[in-house]
Amino acid sequence: MTEQALTETATGTTAETEAEAGAPAETGADTEVVAEAAAEAEAGSPVPAQAGPPVDVDAPSVPVPAADPALATESVADPVPAPKKSRRVLWGIVRWTAAVLVCGGVGAGAAMGITAMERTDVPGLATESDGRWEYPQLALPALPEGVQRPFTDGNEAEIHHTDVRKLLLPAPAGATVDPKLKGGWAGVDSYLAELVEQDRGEVKAYLADSALRHVAARGWTTPDGTSTRIHLLRFSSVAFAEDFKDEMAGRLVKSEWLPAGVETQEADAGTTQDVEVPYVAVYAYKEAEPYGPRQTRWSLIQAGDTFAVVTQTRKGGTLTVPFQQTVALQAQLLG
């Protein structure tokens, strides 16, 4: 066997032996370098840098105590978490934050939109009409200079120092105004026509003795068929107006001086209990059952020197809400 073959055989045997033992195989040149490094270390001379595998300069360096080479091996073996994982977490936070802001903005915008809408425009929140009529905006008329309204200091006589025609409640929206009762002077016969025919003469005589000064009236009919008439009777003093109110109320208890077409009546407590105007007296009545094809409701209002009668009739029965609303507004105008 030649020398070269022996060398290859020995080298192969050594490599195989070290491979089986788990140790890295060394070449002859490597053995000489290691021996020289050991000799120089014993002599105290520095060991020159050896050529080895390329080093990743970008990888983070972790200082390892020289006294414990095991820690150095362990530190090098455990890689530092890659920055990509942190960026993923941050990106997730950014995405969720953006989603929350978008949802919050949409919610706030929707809330502002709903609050800016009328209630009847919002689906599910539309308020159905309770039967009230739509009256125009009401305002008291201006007074002549130097006089006061009733029930105020300086007007102890409770006199209305304004044209009573301006104190009539206007017709609501959609109503058809009665051409005979358009809000002007109507005369006593216009009021007497509201009463049972057999009582008109007696009432007319009573009014003549009560120093009645003016009668103003307005009437209308709404699309539901309700007919409304309002008469304002102004007397020369509060004493006459109050006396006529008491006489009328007393006669009604005995079913006298009833509205035309009414035979029996009963107090309409549901109207008067919710109509409260200071210093104004309000009485309400309705035609008792059984009644004919039409029912009548009426109210007596006395405010200072003025007496008012509000009358409503409707086929099939009068409605509580519009009647109460009309009585309350007319009382407020007089008070």
Protein backbone atom coordinates (compact mmCIF):
# COMPACT_ATOMS: atom_id res chain seq x y z
CA MET A 1 0.00 0.00 0.00
CA THR A 2 1.40 3.41 -0.88
CA GLU A 3 1.94 6.30 1.54
CA GLN A 4 -0.85 8.36 -0.03
CA ALA A 5 -3.31 5.51 0.33
CA LEU A 6 -2.35 5.06 3.95
CA THR A 7 -2.87 8.74 4.59
CA GLU A 8 -6.34 8.69 2.98
CA THR A 9 -7.21 5.52 4.87
CA ALA A 10 -6.10 7.01 8.20
CA THR A 11 -7.88 10.25 7.54
CA GLY A 12 -11.05 8.47 6.54
CA THR A 13 -10.88 6.24 9.56
CA THR A 14 -10.35 9.20 11.86
CA ALA A 15 -13.21 11.15 10.27
CA GLU A 16 -15.49 8.16 10.47
CA THR A 17 -14.55 7.60 14.09
CA GLU A 18 -15.14 11.23 15.02
CA ALA A 19 -18.36 11.34 13.01
CA GLU A 20 -19.60 8.34 14.90
CA ALA A 21 -18.66 10.04 18.18
CA GLY A 22 -20.41 13.28 17.16
CA ALA A 23 -17.22 15.42 16.95
CA PRO A 24 -16.31 17.46 13.88
CA ALA A 25 -13.62 16.10 11.67
CA GLU A 26 -10.33 18.02 11.50
CA THR A 27 -7.81 18.06 8.72
CA GLY A 28 -4.09 17.97 9.20
CA ALA A 29 -3.80 21.71 8.57
CA ASP A 30 -6.36 22.44 11.22
CA THR A 31 -4.41 20.34 13.73
CA GLU A 32 -1.28 22.36 13.14
CA VAL A 33 -3.13 25.69 13.53
CA VAL A 34 -4.62 24.58 16.83
CA ALA A 35 -1.24 23.44 18.11
CA GLU A 36 0.41 26.75 17.20
CA ALA A 37 -2.42 28.71 18.87
CA ALA A 38 -2.00 26.70 22.05
CA ALA A 39 1.77 27.25 22.04
CA GLU A 40 1.37 31.00 21.59
CA ALA A 41 -1.27 31.17 24.32
CA GLU A 42 1.17 29.53 26.76
CA ALA A 43 3.85 32.00 25.75
CA GLY A 44 1.49 34.97 26.43
CA SER A 45 1.35 36.20 22.84
CA PRO A 46 -1.97 37.17 21.24
CA VAL A 47 -3.77 34.71 19.06
CA PRO A 48 -4.29 35.98 15.55
CA ALA A 49 -7.83 36.00 14.19
CA GLN A 50 -8.73 32.89 12.35
CA ALA A 51 -10.61 32.67 9.17
CA GLY A 52 -13.98 31.11 9.75
CA PRO A 53 -17.53 31.16 8.56
CA PRO A 54 -18.98 34.59 7.65
CA VAL A 55 -20.45 36.56 10.58
CA ASP A 56 -23.82 38.27 10.34
CA VAL A 57 -22.99 41.85 11.32
CA ASP A 58 -26.63 42.76 11.54
CA ALA A 59 -27.43 40.15 14.16
CA PRO A 60 -27.64 41.52 17.70
CA SER A 61 -24.65 40.74 19.90
CA VAL A 62 -25.24 39.51 23.43
CA PRO A 63 -22.36 39.86 25.90
CA VAL A 64 -21.43 36.56 27.51
CA PRO A 65 -19.25 36.22 30.60
CA ALA A 66 -15.95 34.56 29.68
CA ALA A 67 -15.99 32.48 32.85
CA ASP A 68 -19.04 30.49 31.77
CA PRO A 69 -18.71 29.26 28.19
CA ALA A 70 -21.95 27.27 28.58
CA LEU A 71 -23.89 30.52 28.89
CA ALA A 72 -22.22 31.83 25.79
CA THR A 73 -23.28 28.76 23.88
CA GLU A 74 -26.83 29.01 25.27
CA SER A 75 -27.12 32.74 24.44
CA VAL A 76 -25.94 32.26 20.93
CA ALA A 77 -28.30 29.34 20.50
CA ASP A 78 -31.37 31.38 21.60
CA PRO A 79 -32.17 33.95 18.90
CA VAL A 80 -33.65 37.34 19.81
CA PRO A 81 -37.33 37.67 18.68
CA ALA A 82 -37.53 39.08 15.24
CA PRO A 83 -38.89 42.66 14.97
CA LYS A 84 -41.48 41.47 12.46
CA LYS A 85 -43.62 40.02 15.27
CA SER A 86 -43.71 43.38 17.09
CA ARG A 87 -44.69 45.16 13.89
CA ARG A 88 -47.57 42.73 13.43
CA VAL A 89 -48.85 43.50 16.93
CA LEU A 90 -48.57 47.23 16.36
CA TRP A 91 -50.31 46.97 13.02
CA GLY A 92 -53.16 45.02 14.65
CA ILE A 93 -53.55 47.72 17.30
CA VAL A 94 -53.61 50.39 14.61
CA ARG A 95 -56.28 48.52 12.66
CA TRP A 96 -58.53 48.03 15.71
CA THR A 97 -58.08 51.66 16.75
CA ALA A 98 -59.04 52.83 13.28
CA ALA A 99 -62.10 50.55 13.32
CA VAL A 100 -63.23 51.93 16.68
CA LEU A 101 -62.81 55.51 15.49
CA VAL A 102 -64.75 54.83 12.30
CA CYS A 103 -67.59 53.14 14.20
CA GLY A 104 -67.66 55.97 16.72
CA GLY A 105 -67.80 58.55 13.96
CA VAL A 106 -70.61 56.72 12.19
CA GLY A 107 -72.53 56.37 15.46
CA ALA A 108 -72.10 60.04 16.32
CA GLY A 109 -73.17 61.07 12.84
CA ALA A 110 -76.26 58.90 13.04
CA ALA A 111 -77.14 60.31 16.46
CA MET A 112 -76.78 63.87 15.21
CA GLY A 113 -78.88 63.05 12.19
CA ILE A 114 -81.67 61.59 14.31
CA THR A 115 -81.70 64.45 16.80
CA ALA A 116 -81.91 66.93 13.95
CA MET A 117 -84.96 65.22 12.48
CA GLU A 118 -88.52 65.84 13.50
CA ARG A 119 -90.00 63.07 15.59
CA THR A 120 -92.56 62.32 12.90
CA ASP A 121 -89.72 61.82 10.38
CA VAL A 122 -87.96 59.09 12.36
CA PRO A 123 -89.21 55.57 11.51
CA GLY A 124 -90.65 53.89 14.57
CA LEU A 125 -90.84 57.16 16.51
CA ALA A 126 -93.58 58.91 14.59
CA THR A 127 -96.22 60.24 16.97
CA GLU A 128 -99.75 59.67 15.82
CA SER A 129 -102.20 62.55 16.14
CA ASP A 130 -104.25 62.54 19.33
CA GLY A 131 -107.12 64.36 17.63
CA ARG A 132 -106.13 67.93 18.38
CA TRP A 133 -106.76 70.56 15.77
CA GLU A 134 -104.05 72.78 14.36
CA TYR A 135 -104.88 76.33 15.34
CA PRO A 136 -102.91 79.36 14.13
CA GLN A 137 -100.56 81.05 16.55
CA LEU A 138 -102.60 82.96 19.10
CA ALA A 139 -101.83 86.40 20.51
CA LEU A 140 -103.79 88.86 22.61
CA PRO A 141 -104.76 92.09 20.86
CA ALA A 142 -103.07 95.35 21.76
CA LEU A 143 -104.81 97.54 24.34
CA PRO A 144 -105.51 101.26 24.14
CA GLU A 145 -102.99 103.37 25.98
CA GLY A 146 -103.60 103.77 29.68
CA VAL A 147 -105.78 100.71 30.30
CA GLN A 148 -105.07 97.26 31.72
CA ARG A 149 -106.25 93.75 30.95
CA PRO A 150 -108.82 92.06 33.17
CA PHE A 151 -107.57 90.46 36.40
CA THR A 152 -104.54 92.77 36.60
CA ASP A 153 -103.72 95.64 38.93
CA GLY A 154 -105.48 98.78 37.81
CA ASN A 155 -108.52 96.93 36.35
CA GLU A 156 -110.56 95.96 39.38
CA ALA A 157 -113.79 96.05 37.34
CA GLU A 158 -112.48 93.15 35.18
CA ILE A 159 -113.45 94.89 31.96
CA HIS A 160 -112.16 93.90 28.53
CA HIS A 161 -110.95 97.19 27.07
CA THR A 162 -110.56 95.75 23.59
CA ASP A 163 -112.83 94.82 20.74
CA VAL A 164 -114.27 91.43 21.76
CA ARG A 165 -114.25 90.32 18.13
CA LYS A 166 -110.46 90.14 18.48
CA LEU A 167 -110.89 87.74 21.38
CA LEU A 168 -112.71 85.13 19.30
CA LEU A 169 -110.77 81.92 18.71
CA PRO A 170 -109.83 81.61 15.03
CA ALA A 171 -110.81 78.59 12.95
CA PRO A 172 -108.29 75.71 12.85
CA ALA A 173 -106.40 74.61 9.75
CA GLY A 174 -108.54 72.84 7.15
CA ALA A 175 -111.85 74.10 8.55
CA THR A 176 -114.59 75.70 6.49
CA VAL A 177 -115.77 78.98 8.03
CA ASP A 178 -119.50 79.52 8.45
CA PRO A 179 -120.43 82.43 6.14
CA LYS A 180 -122.96 83.67 8.72
CA LEU A 181 -120.46 83.55 11.60
CA LYS A 182 -117.23 84.98 10.29
CA GLY A 183 -115.95 86.63 13.44
CA GLY A 184 -117.94 89.88 13.31
CA TRP A 185 -120.90 91.28 15.19
CA ALA A 186 -123.68 88.75 15.15
CA GLY A 187 -126.55 90.16 17.18
CA VAL A 188 -128.52 88.51 19.95
CA ASP A 189 -130.69 86.50 17.56
CA SER A 190 -127.59 84.62 16.37
CA TYR A 191 -127.02 83.38 19.89
CA LEU A 192 -130.71 82.61 20.54
CA ALA A 193 -130.70 80.35 17.47
CA GLU A 194 -128.46 77.98 19.44
CA LEU A 195 -131.20 77.36 22.03
CA VAL A 196 -134.36 75.30 22.06
CA GLU A 197 -137.01 77.33 20.28
CA GLN A 198 -139.46 77.33 23.18
CA ASP A 199 -136.90 79.00 25.47
CA ARG A 200 -135.66 81.72 23.14
CA GLY A 201 -138.22 84.36 24.14
CA GLU A 202 -137.49 84.00 27.85
CA VAL A 203 -133.73 84.15 27.32
CA LYS A 204 -134.07 87.20 25.08
CA ALA A 205 -136.03 89.04 27.71
CA TYR A 206 -133.51 88.15 30.37
CA LEU A 207 -130.65 89.46 28.25
CA ALA A 208 -132.51 92.71 27.60
CA ASP A 209 -132.70 93.31 31.35
CA SER A 210 -129.00 92.49 31.78
CA ALA A 211 -127.60 95.43 29.85
CA LEU A 212 -126.09 93.27 27.10
CA ARG A 213 -123.82 95.40 24.93
CA HIS A 214 -122.39 93.27 22.10
CA VAL A 215 -122.52 89.77 20.61
CA ALA A 216 -119.69 88.52 18.41
CA ALA A 217 -119.55 85.06 16.85
CA ARG A 218 -117.46 82.73 14.71
CA GLY A 219 -118.27 79.27 13.39
CA TRP A 220 -116.61 76.56 11.26
CA THR A 221 -116.85 72.92 10.22
CA THR A 222 -113.85 70.59 10.19
CA PRO A 223 -113.33 67.75 7.68
CA ASP A 224 -114.54 65.15 10.23
CA GLY A 225 -117.95 66.82 10.25
CA THR A 226 -117.67 68.61 13.61
CA SER A 227 -119.53 71.92 13.62
CA THR A 228 -118.28 74.56 16.08
CA ARG A 229 -119.93 77.86 17.06
CA ILE A 230 -118.53 80.38 19.54
CA HIS A 231 -120.56 83.34 20.82
CA LEU A 232 -119.12 86.10 23.00
CA LEU A 233 -121.65 88.17 24.93
CA ARG A 234 -120.23 91.33 26.49
CA PHE A 235 -122.19 92.99 29.28
CA SER A 236 -121.89 96.46 30.73
CA SER A 237 -120.37 95.11 33.95
CA VAL A 238 -118.96 91.95 35.48
CA ALA A 239 -122.02 91.69 37.74
CA PHE A 240 -124.41 91.18 34.79
CA ALA A 241 -122.13 88.66 33.12
CA GLU A 242 -121.76 86.64 36.30
CA ASP A 243 -125.49 86.76 37.00
CA PHE A 244 -126.30 85.42 33.53
CA LYS A 245 -123.77 82.62 33.98
CA ASP A 246 -125.36 81.57 37.28
CA GLU A 247 -128.87 81.71 35.81
CA MET A 248 -127.88 79.65 32.80
CA ALA A 249 -126.15 77.01 34.93
CA GLY A 250 -129.14 76.75 37.25
CA ARG A 251 -131.58 76.33 34.35
CA LEU A 252 -129.45 73.62 32.77
CA VAL A 253 -129.61 71.55 35.93
CA LYS A 254 -133.39 71.49 35.41
CA SER A 255 -132.88 70.70 31.68
CA GLU A 256 -134.03 74.19 30.69
CA TRP A 257 -132.40 76.63 28.26
CA LEU A 258 -130.81 73.67 26.50
CA PRO A 259 -129.13 73.85 23.08
CA ALA A 260 -131.34 73.16 20.09
CA GLY A 261 -132.03 69.45 19.56
CA VAL A 262 -130.95 68.46 23.09
CA GLU A 263 -133.48 66.89 25.48
CA THR A 264 -131.31 65.78 28.38
CA GLN A 265 -127.83 66.79 29.52
CA GLU A 266 -125.11 65.71 31.89
CA ALA A 267 -122.02 67.45 33.24
CA ASP A 268 -118.88 66.93 31.18
CA ALA A 269 -116.36 66.66 34.02
CA GLY A 270 -113.67 65.31 31.70
CA THR A 271 -113.43 68.71 30.00
CA THR A 272 -113.48 71.08 32.95
CA GLN A 273 -111.02 69.17 35.15
CA ASP A 274 -108.15 69.89 32.74
CA VAL A 275 -109.12 73.45 31.81
CA GLU A 276 -107.77 75.78 34.46
CA VAL A 277 -107.47 79.49 33.71
CA PRO A 278 -107.07 81.86 36.68
CA TYR A 279 -110.16 83.98 37.46
CA VAL A 280 -112.17 82.35 34.65
CA ALA A 281 -115.23 80.17 35.36
CA VAL A 282 -115.71 77.20 33.02
CA TYR A 283 -118.67 74.80 32.88
CA ALA A 284 -119.07 71.99 30.34
CA TYR A 285 -122.03 69.79 29.38
CA LYS A 286 -122.87 67.11 26.86
CA GLU A 287 -126.02 65.59 25.48
CA ALA A 288 -126.81 62.47 27.48
CA GLU A 289 -127.45 59.12 25.84
CA PRO A 290 -129.52 58.06 24.09
CA TYR A 291 -129.21 60.87 21.60
CA GLY A 292 -130.19 61.10 17.95
CA PRO A 293 -127.95 60.98 14.88
CA ARG A 294 -125.97 63.95 16.19
CA GLN A 295 -124.58 64.73 19.62
CA THR A 296 -124.01 68.19 21.11
CA ARG A 297 -121.47 69.45 23.61
CA TRP A 298 -121.33 72.99 24.96
CA SER A 299 -119.41 75.05 27.48
CA LEU A 300 -120.18 78.23 29.45
CA ILE A 301 -117.20 80.54 30.07
CA GLN A 302 -117.40 83.67 32.19
CA ALA A 303 -114.42 86.01 32.33
CA GLY A 304 -115.02 89.44 33.81
CA ASP A 305 -117.64 91.35 31.83
CA THR A 306 -117.77 88.77 29.00
CA PHE A 307 -119.74 85.55 28.78
CA ALA A 308 -118.90 82.93 26.12
CA VAL A 309 -120.70 79.85 24.85
CA VAL A 310 -118.81 77.20 22.86
CA THR A 311 -121.06 74.70 21.07
CA GLN A 312 -120.01 71.64 19.07
CA THR A 313 -122.16 69.08 17.24
CA ARG A 314 -121.09 66.00 15.31
CA LYS A 315 -122.81 63.12 13.63
CA GLY A 316 -122.28 59.90 15.55
CA GLY A 317 -120.93 61.66 18.64
CA THR A 318 -118.71 64.57 19.55
CA LEU A 319 -115.02 64.10 20.23
CA THR A 320 -113.52 64.93 23.62
CA VAL A 321 -110.06 66.14 22.57
CA PRO A 322 -110.96 68.87 20.06
CA PHE A 323 -113.81 70.07 22.27
CA GLN A 324 -111.57 70.39 25.32
CA GLN A 325 -108.87 72.05 23.23
CA THR A 326 -111.30 74.62 21.84
CA VAL A 327 -112.73 75.44 25.26
CA ALA A 328 -109.28 75.81 26.83
CA LEU A 329 -107.97 78.15 24.12
CA GLN A 330 -111.06 80.35 24.17
CA ALA A 331 -110.87 80.62 27.97
CA GLN A 332 -107.23 81.64 27.75
CA LEU A 333 -108.00 84.38 25.25
CA LEU A 334 -110.61 85.80 27.61
CA GLY A 335 -108.44 85.46 30.70
